[in-house]
Amino acid sequence: MSLSILCDVYRSARVEGMYLYVAKQEGLSRVPEALMKRFGRAERAMGLMLTPARTLARADVVQVMQAIESQGFYLQMPPKEDVLP
């Protein structure tokens, strides 16, 4: 695994709380077409330098980095709603 990855984070215009992390130099080119259809219009939210020491709010940074390297993206799903019993 790389020591760092310069990435862009895109938010889904269709699904609240869904984000795609991709390597900046590759953009969305490795994201499967079927996923992009479900994701909808991708709106760039921010750029980040990912390192194993960085903390992300809702994802493990090492898993994000591994997914970007192996498949070209990391998909962060919306948080599950708390269900009352």
PDB file of N, CA and C in Angstrom:
ATOM      1  N   MET A   1       0.844  -1.177   0.000  1.00  0.00           N
ATOM      2  CA  MET A   1       0.000   0.000   0.000  1.00  0.00           C
ATOM      3  C   MET A   1       0.890   1.240   0.000  1.00  0.00           C
ATOM      4  N   SER A   2       0.427   2.251  -0.704  1.00  0.00           N
ATOM      5  CA  SER A   2       1.151   3.518  -0.758  1.00  0.00           C
ATOM      6  C   SER A   2       1.164   4.182   0.614  1.00  0.00           C
ATOM      7  N   LEU A   3       2.145   5.039   0.815  1.00  0.00           N
ATOM      8  CA  LEU A   3       2.221   5.792   2.061  1.00  0.00           C
ATOM      9  C   LEU A   3       1.197   6.919   2.107  1.00  0.00           C
ATOM     10  N   SER A   4       0.812   7.402   0.921  1.00  0.00           N
ATOM     11  CA  SER A   4      -0.195   8.453   0.852  1.00  0.00           C
ATOM     12  C   SER A   4      -0.887   8.410  -0.505  1.00  0.00           C
ATOM     13  N   ILE A   5      -2.112   8.901  -0.527  1.00  0.00           N
ATOM     14  CA  ILE A   5      -2.889   8.997  -1.766  1.00  0.00           C
ATOM     15  C   ILE A   5      -3.565  10.362  -1.771  1.00  0.00           C
ATOM     16  N   LEU A   6      -3.354  11.114  -2.826  1.00  0.00           N
ATOM     17  CA  LEU A   6      -4.070  12.358  -3.020  1.00  0.00           C
ATOM     18  C   LEU A   6      -5.411  11.974  -3.639  1.00  0.00           C
ATOM     19  N   CYS A   7      -6.504  12.258  -2.943  1.00  0.00           N
ATOM     20  CA  CYS A   7      -7.798  11.807  -3.436  1.00  0.00           C
ATOM     21  C   CYS A   7      -8.805  12.943  -3.511  1.00  0.00           C
ATOM     22  N   ASP A   8      -9.819  12.714  -4.327  1.00  0.00           N
ATOM     23  CA  ASP A   8     -10.984  13.587  -4.395  1.00  0.00           C
ATOM     24  C   ASP A   8     -12.159  12.820  -3.823  1.00  0.00           C
ATOM     25  N   VAL A   9     -13.025  13.528  -3.144  1.00  0.00           N
ATOM     26  CA  VAL A   9     -14.229  12.936  -2.568  1.00  0.00           C
ATOM     27  C   VAL A   9     -15.421  13.562  -3.278  1.00  0.00           C
ATOM     28  N   TYR A  10     -16.305  12.696  -3.792  1.00  0.00           N
ATOM     29  CA  TYR A  10     -17.509  13.148  -4.490  1.00  0.00           C
ATOM     30  C   TYR A  10     -18.735  12.746  -3.697  1.00  0.00           C
ATOM     31  N   ARG A  11     -19.713  13.642  -3.621  1.00  0.00           N
ATOM     32  CA  ARG A  11     -20.986  13.321  -2.977  1.00  0.00           C
ATOM     33  C   ARG A  11     -22.005  13.016  -4.064  1.00  0.00           C
ATOM     34  N   SER A  12     -22.922  12.136  -3.732  1.00  0.00           N
ATOM     35  CA  SER A  12     -23.995  11.776  -4.648  1.00  0.00           C
ATOM     36  C   SER A  12     -25.069  12.848  -4.621  1.00  0.00           C
ATOM     37  N   ALA A  13     -25.491  13.283  -5.803  1.00  0.00           N
ATOM     38  CA  ALA A  13     -26.605  14.218  -5.889  1.00  0.00           C
ATOM     39  C   ALA A  13     -27.933  13.487  -5.679  1.00  0.00           C
ATOM     40  N   ARG A  14     -27.904  12.163  -5.776  1.00  0.00           N
ATOM     41  CA  ARG A  14     -29.119  11.358  -5.678  1.00  0.00           C
ATOM     42  C   ARG A  14     -29.362  10.785  -4.283  1.00  0.00           C
ATOM     43  N   VAL A  15     -28.287  10.339  -3.612  1.00  0.00           N
ATOM     44  CA  VAL A  15     -28.434   9.651  -2.325  1.00  0.00           C
ATOM     45  C   VAL A  15     -27.697  10.437  -1.243  1.00  0.00           C
ATOM     46  N   GLU A  16     -28.442  10.997  -0.312  1.00  0.00           N
ATOM     47  CA  GLU A  16     -27.866  11.769   0.793  1.00  0.00           C
ATOM     48  C   GLU A  16     -26.922  10.893   1.615  1.00  0.00           C
ATOM     49  N   GLY A  17     -25.701  11.372   1.855  1.00  0.00           N
ATOM     50  CA  GLY A  17     -24.751  10.645   2.689  1.00  0.00           C
ATOM     51  C   GLY A  17     -23.900   9.617   1.959  1.00  0.00           C
ATOM     52  N   MET A  18     -24.054   9.492   0.641  1.00  0.00           N
ATOM     53  CA  MET A  18     -23.236   8.549  -0.143  1.00  0.00           C
ATOM     54  C   MET A  18     -22.086   9.324  -0.780  1.00  0.00           C
ATOM     55  N   TYR A  19     -20.859   8.798  -0.586  1.00  0.00           N
ATOM     56  CA  TYR A  19     -19.661   9.456  -1.103  1.00  0.00           C
ATOM     57  C   TYR A  19     -18.761   8.462  -1.819  1.00  0.00           C
ATOM     58  N   LEU A  20     -18.047   8.938  -2.829  1.00  0.00           N
ATOM     59  CA  LEU A  20     -17.021   8.158  -3.524  1.00  0.00           C
ATOM     60  C   LEU A  20     -15.669   8.815  -3.286  1.00  0.00           C
ATOM     61  N   TYR A  21     -14.705   8.022  -2.846  1.00  0.00           N
ATOM     62  CA  TYR A  21     -13.315   8.458  -2.714  1.00  0.00           C
ATOM     63  C   TYR A  21     -12.555   7.866  -3.890  1.00  0.00           C
ATOM     64  N   VAL A  22     -11.833   8.692  -4.634  1.00  0.00           N
ATOM     65  CA  VAL A  22     -11.057   8.232  -5.788  1.00  0.00           C
ATOM     66  C   VAL A  22      -9.699   8.920  -5.805  1.00  0.00           C
ATOM     67  N   ALA A  23      -8.718   8.275  -6.435  1.00  0.00           N
ATOM     68  CA  ALA A  23      -7.412   8.909  -6.606  1.00  0.00           C
ATOM     69  C   ALA A  23      -7.577  10.120  -7.517  1.00  0.00           C
ATOM     70  N   LYS A  24      -7.006  11.239  -7.130  1.00  0.00           N
ATOM     71  CA  LYS A  24      -7.162  12.485  -7.886  1.00  0.00           C
ATOM     72  C   LYS A  24      -6.737  12.311  -9.343  1.00  0.00           C
ATOM     73  N   GLN A  25      -5.624  11.629  -9.591  1.00  0.00           N
ATOM     74  CA  GLN A  25      -5.116  11.516 -10.955  1.00  0.00           C
ATOM     75  C   GLN A  25      -5.978  10.618 -11.839  1.00  0.00           C
ATOM     76  N   GLU A  26      -6.783   9.735 -11.239  1.00  0.00           N
ATOM     77  CA  GLU A  26      -7.649   8.845 -12.025  1.00  0.00           C
ATOM     78  C   GLU A  26      -9.086   9.347 -12.106  1.00  0.00           C
ATOM     79  N   GLY A  27      -9.477  10.167 -11.158  1.00  0.00           N
ATOM     80  CA  GLY A  27     -10.851  10.658 -11.142  1.00  0.00           C
ATOM     81  C   GLY A  27     -11.834   9.499 -11.034  1.00  0.00           C
ATOM     82  N   LEU A  28     -12.934   9.615 -11.718  1.00  0.00           N
ATOM     83  CA  LEU A  28     -13.996   8.607 -11.668  1.00  0.00           C
ATOM     84  C   LEU A  28     -13.842   7.532 -12.745  1.00  0.00           C
ATOM     85  N   SER A  29     -12.705   7.507 -13.436  1.00  0.00           N
ATOM     86  CA  SER A  29     -12.523   6.608 -14.580  1.00  0.00           C
ATOM     87  C   SER A  29     -12.626   5.122 -14.238  1.00  0.00           C
ATOM     88  N   ARG A  30     -12.302   4.713 -13.012  1.00  0.00           N
ATOM     89  CA  ARG A  30     -12.339   3.290 -12.643  1.00  0.00           C
ATOM     90  C   ARG A  30     -13.627   2.891 -11.911  1.00  0.00           C
ATOM     91  N   VAL A  31     -14.542   3.836 -11.735  1.00  0.00           N
ATOM     92  CA  VAL A  31     -15.813   3.533 -11.072  1.00  0.00           C
ATOM     93  C   VAL A  31     -16.727   2.863 -12.104  1.00  0.00           C
ATOM     94  N   PRO A  32     -17.266   1.678 -11.798  1.00  0.00           N
ATOM     95  CA  PRO A  32     -18.127   0.974 -12.759  1.00  0.00           C
ATOM     96  C   PRO A  32     -19.350   1.814 -13.157  1.00  0.00           C
ATOM     97  N   GLU A  33     -19.753   1.672 -14.410  1.00  0.00           N
ATOM     98  CA  GLU A  33     -20.884   2.426 -14.944  1.00  0.00           C
ATOM     99  C   GLU A  33     -22.164   2.169 -14.151  1.00  0.00           C
ATOM    100  N   ALA A  34     -22.390   0.919 -13.741  1.00  0.00           N
ATOM    101  CA  ALA A  34     -23.600   0.590 -12.974  1.00  0.00           C
ATOM    102  C   ALA A  34     -23.637   1.352 -11.645  1.00  0.00           C
ATOM    103  N   LEU A  35     -22.484   1.483 -10.996  1.00  0.00           N
ATOM    104  CA  LEU A  35     -22.425   2.232  -9.743  1.00  0.00           C
ATOM    105  C   LEU A  35     -22.676   3.713  -9.994  1.00  0.00           C
ATOM    106  N   MET A  36     -22.115   4.244 -11.074  1.00  0.00           N
ATOM    107  CA  MET A  36     -22.323   5.658 -11.379  1.00  0.00           C
ATOM    108  C   MET A  36     -23.796   5.951 -11.660  1.00  0.00           C
ATOM    109  N   LYS A  37     -24.506   5.006 -12.268  1.00  0.00           N
ATOM    110  CA  LYS A  37     -25.944   5.202 -12.511  1.00  0.00           C
ATOM    111  C   LYS A  37     -26.695   5.275 -11.191  1.00  0.00           C
ATOM    112  N   ARG A  38     -26.338   4.407 -10.256  1.00  0.00           N
ATOM    113  CA  ARG A  38     -26.983   4.422  -8.933  1.00  0.00           C
ATOM    114  C   ARG A  38     -26.573   5.666  -8.150  1.00  0.00           C
ATOM    115  N   PHE A  39     -25.322   6.058  -8.277  1.00  0.00           N
ATOM    116  CA  PHE A  39     -24.775   7.197  -7.547  1.00  0.00           C
ATOM    117  C   PHE A  39     -25.400   8.506  -8.012  1.00  0.00           C
ATOM    118  N   GLY A  40     -25.670   8.600  -9.312  1.00  0.00           N
ATOM    119  CA  GLY A  40     -26.205   9.845  -9.865  1.00  0.00           C
ATOM    120  C   GLY A  40     -25.093  10.831 -10.155  1.00  0.00           C
ATOM    121  N   ARG A  41     -25.450  12.092 -10.299  1.00  0.00           N
ATOM    122  CA  ARG A  41     -24.451  13.118 -10.608  1.00  0.00           C
ATOM    123  C   ARG A  41     -23.469  13.222  -9.447  1.00  0.00           C
ATOM    124  N   ALA A  42     -22.193  13.163  -9.767  1.00  0.00           N
ATOM    125  CA  ALA A  42     -21.142  13.256  -8.748  1.00  0.00           C
ATOM    126  C   ALA A  42     -20.734  14.712  -8.586  1.00  0.00           C
ATOM    127  N   GLU A  43     -20.855  15.203  -7.358  1.00  0.00           N
ATOM    128  CA  GLU A  43     -20.469  16.573  -7.034  1.00  0.00           C
ATOM    129  C   GLU A  43     -19.205  16.526  -6.191  1.00  0.00           C
ATOM    130  N   ARG A  44     -18.133  17.172  -6.668  1.00  0.00           N
ATOM    131  CA  ARG A  44     -16.880  17.155  -5.912  1.00  0.00           C
ATOM    132  C   ARG A  44     -17.090  17.877  -4.583  1.00  0.00           C
ATOM    133  N   ALA A  45     -16.814  17.159  -3.490  1.00  0.00           N
ATOM    134  CA  ALA A  45     -16.994  17.725  -2.150  1.00  0.00           C
ATOM    135  C   ALA A  45     -15.694  18.306  -1.615  1.00  0.00           C
ATOM    136  N   MET A  46     -14.563  17.593  -1.848  1.00  0.00           N
ATOM    137  CA  MET A  46     -13.281  18.056  -1.319  1.00  0.00           C
ATOM    138  C   MET A  46     -12.141  17.204  -1.854  1.00  0.00           C
ATOM    139  N   GLY A  47     -10.952  17.678  -1.631  1.00  0.00           N
ATOM    140  CA  GLY A  47      -9.740  16.922  -1.890  1.00  0.00           C
ATOM    141  C   GLY A  47      -9.047  16.633  -0.571  1.00  0.00           C
ATOM    142  N   LEU A  48      -8.423  15.467  -0.461  1.00  0.00           N
ATOM    143  CA  LEU A  48      -7.745  15.064   0.773  1.00  0.00           C
ATOM    144  C   LEU A  48      -6.436  14.358   0.453  1.00  0.00           C
ATOM    145  N   MET A  49      -5.480  14.474   1.355  1.00  0.00           N
ATOM    146  CA  MET A  49      -4.278  13.648   1.303  1.00  0.00           C
ATOM    147  C   MET A  49      -4.510  12.537   2.322  1.00  0.00           C
ATOM    148  N   LEU A  50      -4.656  11.312   1.838  1.00  0.00           N
ATOM    149  CA  LEU A  50      -4.865  10.174   2.730  1.00  0.00           C
ATOM    150  C   LEU A  50      -3.532   9.576   3.130  1.00  0.00           C
ATOM    151  N   THR A  51      -3.350   9.350   4.422  1.00  0.00           N
ATOM    152  CA  THR A  51      -2.197   8.643   4.961  1.00  0.00           C
ATOM    153  C   THR A  51      -2.739   7.711   6.054  1.00  0.00           C
ATOM    154  N   PRO A  52      -2.004   6.646   6.381  1.00  0.00           N
ATOM    155  CA  PRO A  52      -2.489   5.752   7.439  1.00  0.00           C
ATOM    156  C   PRO A  52      -2.716   6.452   8.780  1.00  0.00           C
ATOM    157  N   ALA A  53      -2.070   7.570   9.019  1.00  0.00           N
ATOM    158  CA  ALA A  53      -2.217   8.284  10.286  1.00  0.00           C
ATOM    159  C   ALA A  53      -3.435   9.212  10.315  1.00  0.00           C
ATOM    160  N   ARG A  54      -4.026   9.464   9.154  1.00  0.00           N
ATOM    161  CA  ARG A  54      -5.170  10.387   9.079  1.00  0.00           C
ATOM    162  C   ARG A  54      -6.424   9.727   9.658  1.00  0.00           C
ATOM    163  N   THR A  55      -7.265  10.524  10.267  1.00  0.00           N
ATOM    164  CA  THR A  55      -8.538  10.042  10.785  1.00  0.00           C
ATOM    165  C   THR A  55      -9.663  10.550   9.889  1.00  0.00           C
ATOM    166  N   LEU A  56     -10.558   9.656   9.507  1.00  0.00           N
ATOM    167  CA  LEU A  56     -11.752  10.034   8.756  1.00  0.00           C
ATOM    168  C   LEU A  56     -12.967   9.867   9.661  1.00  0.00           C
ATOM    169  N   ALA A  57     -13.987  10.668   9.434  1.00  0.00           N
ATOM    170  CA  ALA A  57     -15.150  10.673  10.319  1.00  0.00           C
ATOM    171  C   ALA A  57     -15.918   9.354  10.310  1.00  0.00           C
ATOM    172  N   ARG A  58     -16.135   8.761   9.129  1.00  0.00           N
ATOM    173  CA  ARG A  58     -17.011   7.597   9.063  1.00  0.00           C
ATOM    174  C   ARG A  58     -16.394   6.408   8.326  1.00  0.00           C
ATOM    175  N   ALA A  59     -15.088   6.404   8.163  1.00  0.00           N
ATOM    176  CA  ALA A  59     -14.451   5.294   7.454  1.00  0.00           C
ATOM    177  C   ALA A  59     -13.047   5.084   8.005  1.00  0.00           C
ATOM    178  N   ASP A  60     -12.565   3.853   7.879  1.00  0.00           N
ATOM    179  CA  ASP A  60     -11.202   3.523   8.262  1.00  0.00           C
ATOM    180  C   ASP A  60     -10.285   3.913   7.106  1.00  0.00           C
ATOM    181  N   VAL A  61      -9.342   4.805   7.356  1.00  0.00           N
ATOM    182  CA  VAL A  61      -8.512   5.347   6.281  1.00  0.00           C
ATOM    183  C   VAL A  61      -7.702   4.258   5.567  1.00  0.00           C
ATOM    184  N   VAL A  62      -7.246   3.236   6.285  1.00  0.00           N
ATOM    185  CA  VAL A  62      -6.471   2.162   5.650  1.00  0.00           C
ATOM    186  C   VAL A  62      -7.358   1.380   4.685  1.00  0.00           C
ATOM    187  N   GLN A  63      -8.600   1.108   5.072  1.00  0.00           N
ATOM    188  CA  GLN A  63      -9.530   0.419   4.167  1.00  0.00           C
ATOM    189  C   GLN A  63      -9.835   1.276   2.937  1.00  0.00           C
ATOM    190  N   VAL A  64      -9.985   2.571   3.133  1.00  0.00           N
ATOM    191  CA  VAL A  64     -10.232   3.480   2.014  1.00  0.00           C
ATOM    192  C   VAL A  64      -9.053   3.447   1.043  1.00  0.00           C
ATOM    193  N   MET A  65      -7.847   3.552   1.574  1.00  0.00           N
ATOM    194  CA  MET A  65      -6.656   3.549   0.727  1.00  0.00           C
ATOM    195  C   MET A  65      -6.514   2.225  -0.022  1.00  0.00           C
ATOM    196  N   GLN A  66      -6.748   1.107   0.661  1.00  0.00           N
ATOM    197  CA  GLN A  66      -6.645  -0.195   0.011  1.00  0.00           C
ATOM    198  C   GLN A  66      -7.674  -0.337  -1.107  1.00  0.00           C
ATOM    199  N   ALA A  67      -8.895   0.130  -0.876  1.00  0.00           N
ATOM    200  CA  ALA A  67      -9.939   0.042  -1.894  1.00  0.00           C
ATOM    201  C   ALA A  67      -9.597   0.909  -3.105  1.00  0.00           C
ATOM    202  N   ILE A  68      -9.088   2.107  -2.872  1.00  0.00           N
ATOM    203  CA  ILE A  68      -8.707   2.983  -3.985  1.00  0.00           C
ATOM    204  C   ILE A  68      -7.617   2.325  -4.815  1.00  0.00           C
ATOM    205  N   GLU A  69      -6.632   1.732  -4.163  1.00  0.00           N
ATOM    206  CA  GLU A  69      -5.539   1.093  -4.899  1.00  0.00           C
ATOM    207  C   GLU A  69      -6.006  -0.157  -5.643  1.00  0.00           C
ATOM    208  N   SER A  70      -6.843  -0.986  -5.012  1.00  0.00           N
ATOM    209  CA  SER A  70      -7.220  -2.253  -5.636  1.00  0.00           C
ATOM    210  C   SER A  70      -8.332  -2.125  -6.670  1.00  0.00           C
ATOM    211  N   GLN A  71      -9.357  -1.293  -6.390  1.00  0.00           N
ATOM    212  CA  GLN A  71     -10.479  -1.228  -7.321  1.00  0.00           C
ATOM    213  C   GLN A  71     -10.709   0.152  -7.921  1.00  0.00           C
ATOM    214  N   GLY A  72      -9.944   1.146  -7.460  1.00  0.00           N
ATOM    215  CA  GLY A  72     -10.041   2.478  -8.040  1.00  0.00           C
ATOM    216  C   GLY A  72     -10.986   3.426  -7.325  1.00  0.00           C
ATOM    217  N   PHE A  73     -11.684   2.942  -6.290  1.00  0.00           N
ATOM    218  CA  PHE A  73     -12.609   3.803  -5.562  1.00  0.00           C
ATOM    219  C   PHE A  73     -12.960   3.172  -4.228  1.00  0.00           C
ATOM    220  N   TYR A  74     -13.495   3.998  -3.342  1.00  0.00           N
ATOM    221  CA  TYR A  74     -14.090   3.530  -2.089  1.00  0.00           C
ATOM    222  C   TYR A  74     -15.462   4.168  -2.014  1.00  0.00           C
ATOM    223  N   LEU A  75     -16.492   3.363  -1.801  1.00  0.00           N
ATOM    224  CA  LEU A  75     -17.852   3.855  -1.688  1.00  0.00           C
ATOM    225  C   LEU A  75     -18.239   3.927  -0.219  1.00  0.00           C
ATOM    226  N   GLN A  76     -18.566   5.122   0.240  1.00  0.00           N
ATOM    227  CA  GLN A  76     -19.041   5.310   1.610  1.00  0.00           C
ATOM    228  C   GLN A  76     -20.555   5.435   1.558  1.00  0.00           C
ATOM    229  N   MET A  77     -21.228   4.501   2.192  1.00  0.00           N
ATOM    230  CA  MET A  77     -22.687   4.477   2.202  1.00  0.00           C
ATOM    231  C   MET A  77     -23.217   5.415   3.285  1.00  0.00           C
ATOM    232  N   PRO A  78     -24.469   5.848   3.147  1.00  0.00           N
ATOM    233  CA  PRO A  78     -25.064   6.682   4.192  1.00  0.00           C
ATOM    234  C   PRO A  78     -25.149   5.919   5.500  1.00  0.00           C
ATOM    235  N   PRO A  79     -25.103   6.629   6.622  1.00  0.00           N
ATOM    236  CA  PRO A  79     -25.247   5.942   7.904  1.00  0.00           C
ATOM    237  C   PRO A  79     -26.631   5.319   8.008  1.00  0.00           C
ATOM    238  N   LYS A  80     -26.702   4.183   8.679  1.00  0.00           N
ATOM    239  CA  LYS A  80     -27.995   3.522   8.872  1.00  0.00           C
ATOM    240  C   LYS A  80     -28.802   4.316   9.880  1.00  0.00           C
ATOM    241  N   GLU A  81     -30.076   4.384   9.624  1.00  0.00           N
ATOM    242  CA  GLU A  81     -30.986   5.066  10.539  1.00  0.00           C
ATOM    243  C   GLU A  81     -31.109   4.235  11.802  1.00  0.00           C
ATOM    244  N   ASP A  82     -31.143   4.891  12.926  1.00  0.00           N
ATOM    245  CA  ASP A  82     -31.393   4.170  14.187  1.00  0.00           C
ATOM    246  C   ASP A  82     -32.859   3.731  14.188  1.00  0.00           C
ATOM    247  N   VAL A  83     -33.063   2.450  14.396  1.00  0.00           N
ATOM    248  CA  VAL A  83     -34.411   1.906  14.407  1.00  0.00           C
ATOM    249  C   VAL A  83     -34.839   1.723  15.858  1.00  0.00           C
ATOM    250  N   LEU A  84     -35.946   2.315  16.182  1.00  0.00           N
ATOM    251  CA  LEU A  84     -36.461   2.177  17.550  1.00  0.00           C
ATOM    252  C   LEU A  84     -37.199   0.850  17.686  1.00  0.00           C
ATOM    253  N   PRO A  85     -37.046   0.164  18.830  1.00  0.00           N
ATOM    254  CA  PRO A  85     -37.712  -1.135  18.998  1.00  0.00           C
ATOM    255  C   PRO A  85     -39.213  -0.987  19.117  1.00  0.00           C
TER     256      PRO A  85
END
